Amino acid sequence: MELDCRGMRCPLPIIKLATSLKESEEVILLSDDPATLPDLNAWARMTGNSYEVIATDKYLVKRL
């Protein structure tokens, strides 16, 4: 599943990501908000999920 959050600002990309992960094991998150990477890092640490940076504005997030 691909989730396009480009143009959205914190905290919307993380909120939409959390909702999308309820429906899918993996989500490719597209986000150009500079706060996404630190927010994603904190969110993954708190929820136990994982992510990897694919490109500057592209992340692969996996539900654990």
C-alpha atoms as a PDB file:
ATOM      1  CA  MET A   1       0.000   0.000   0.000  1.00  0.00           C
ATOM      2  CA  GLU A   2       1.270   3.481  -0.825  1.00  0.00           C
ATOM      3  CA  LEU A   3       0.263   6.481   1.282  1.00  0.00           C
ATOM      4  CA  ASP A   4       0.876   9.896  -0.275  1.00  0.00           C
ATOM      5  CA  CYS A   5       1.141  12.541   2.456  1.00  0.00           C
ATOM      6  CA  ARG A   6       3.166  15.055   0.472  1.00  0.00           C
ATOM      7  CA  GLY A   7       2.091  18.583   1.314  1.00  0.00           C
ATOM      8  CA  MET A   8       0.758  17.564   4.729  1.00  0.00           C
ATOM      9  CA  ARG A   9       2.378  18.814   7.903  1.00  0.00           C
ATOM     10  CA  CYS A  10       3.008  17.244  11.280  1.00  0.00           C
ATOM     11  CA  PRO A  11       1.257  15.328  12.748  1.00  0.00           C
ATOM     12  CA  LEU A  12      -0.969  14.322   9.793  1.00  0.00           C
ATOM     13  CA  PRO A  13       1.495  11.948   8.020  1.00  0.00           C
ATOM     14  CA  ILE A  14       1.984   9.881  11.193  1.00  0.00           C
ATOM     15  CA  ILE A  15      -1.732   9.845  12.010  1.00  0.00           C
ATOM     16  CA  LYS A  16      -2.600   8.668   8.495  1.00  0.00           C
ATOM     17  CA  LEU A  17       0.218   6.111   8.627  1.00  0.00           C
ATOM     18  CA  ALA A  18      -1.071   4.621  11.888  1.00  0.00           C
ATOM     19  CA  THR A  19      -4.540   4.269  10.367  1.00  0.00           C
ATOM     20  CA  SER A  20      -3.164   2.687   7.182  1.00  0.00           C
ATOM     21  CA  LEU A  21      -1.106   0.119   9.077  1.00  0.00           C
ATOM     22  CA  LYS A  22      -4.324  -1.266  10.559  1.00  0.00           C
ATOM     23  CA  GLU A  23      -5.248  -2.341   7.010  1.00  0.00           C
ATOM     24  CA  SER A  24      -1.843  -3.435   5.694  1.00  0.00           C
ATOM     25  CA  GLU A  25       1.373  -5.078   6.902  1.00  0.00           C
ATOM     26  CA  GLU A  26       3.544  -2.654   4.918  1.00  0.00           C
ATOM     27  CA  VAL A  27       3.045   0.929   3.857  1.00  0.00           C
ATOM     28  CA  ILE A  28       5.189   3.056   1.605  1.00  0.00           C
ATOM     29  CA  LEU A  29       4.896   6.542   3.063  1.00  0.00           C
ATOM     30  CA  LEU A  30       5.539   9.536   0.830  1.00  0.00           C
ATOM     31  CA  SER A  31       6.029  12.689   2.885  1.00  0.00           C
ATOM     32  CA  ASP A  32       7.949  15.895   2.254  1.00  0.00           C
ATOM     33  CA  ASP A  33       7.417  17.325   5.757  1.00  0.00           C
ATOM     34  CA  PRO A  34      10.860  17.861   7.375  1.00  0.00           C
ATOM     35  CA  ALA A  35       9.436  16.596  10.686  1.00  0.00           C
ATOM     36  CA  THR A  36       8.508  13.195   9.231  1.00  0.00           C
ATOM     37  CA  LEU A  37      11.807  11.430   9.877  1.00  0.00           C
ATOM     38  CA  PRO A  38      12.128  12.413  13.565  1.00  0.00           C
ATOM     39  CA  ASP A  39       8.386  11.819  14.079  1.00  0.00           C
ATOM     40  CA  LEU A  40       8.608   8.434  12.375  1.00  0.00           C
ATOM     41  CA  ASN A  41      11.606   7.481  14.481  1.00  0.00           C
ATOM     42  CA  ALA A  42       9.775   8.340  17.723  1.00  0.00           C
ATOM     43  CA  TRP A  43       6.555   6.675  16.575  1.00  0.00           C
ATOM     44  CA  ALA A  44       8.360   3.443  15.577  1.00  0.00           C
ATOM     45  CA  ARG A  45      10.165   3.337  18.918  1.00  0.00           C
ATOM     46  CA  MET A  46       6.905   3.808  20.842  1.00  0.00           C
ATOM     47  CA  THR A  47       4.834   1.331  18.799  1.00  0.00           C
ATOM     48  CA  GLY A  48       7.467  -1.322  18.061  1.00  0.00           C
ATOM     49  CA  ASN A  49       6.999  -1.004  14.303  1.00  0.00           C
ATOM     50  CA  SER A  50       9.927  -0.604  11.921  1.00  0.00           C
ATOM     51  CA  TYR A  51      10.785   1.601   8.978  1.00  0.00           C
ATOM     52  CA  GLU A  52      13.554   2.223   6.496  1.00  0.00           C
ATOM     53  CA  VAL A  53      14.345   5.308   4.477  1.00  0.00           C
ATOM     54  CA  ILE A  54      14.088   4.572   0.762  1.00  0.00           C
ATOM     55  CA  ALA A  55      14.610   8.156  -0.446  1.00  0.00           C
ATOM     56  CA  THR A  56      14.466  11.675   0.975  1.00  0.00           C
ATOM     57  CA  ASP A  57      10.669  11.658   1.034  1.00  0.00           C
ATOM     58  CA  LYS A  58       9.931   7.918   0.811  1.00  0.00           C
ATOM     59  CA  TYR A  59       9.789   5.435   3.700  1.00  0.00           C
ATOM     60  CA  LEU A  60       8.925   1.743   3.929  1.00  0.00           C
ATOM     61  CA  VAL A  61       7.050   1.113   7.172  1.00  0.00           C
ATOM     62  CA  LYS A  62       6.373  -2.419   8.459  1.00  0.00           C
ATOM     63  CA  ARG A  63       3.916  -3.420  11.134  1.00  0.00           C
ATOM     64  CA  LEU A  64       5.396  -5.808  13.670  1.00  0.00           C
END
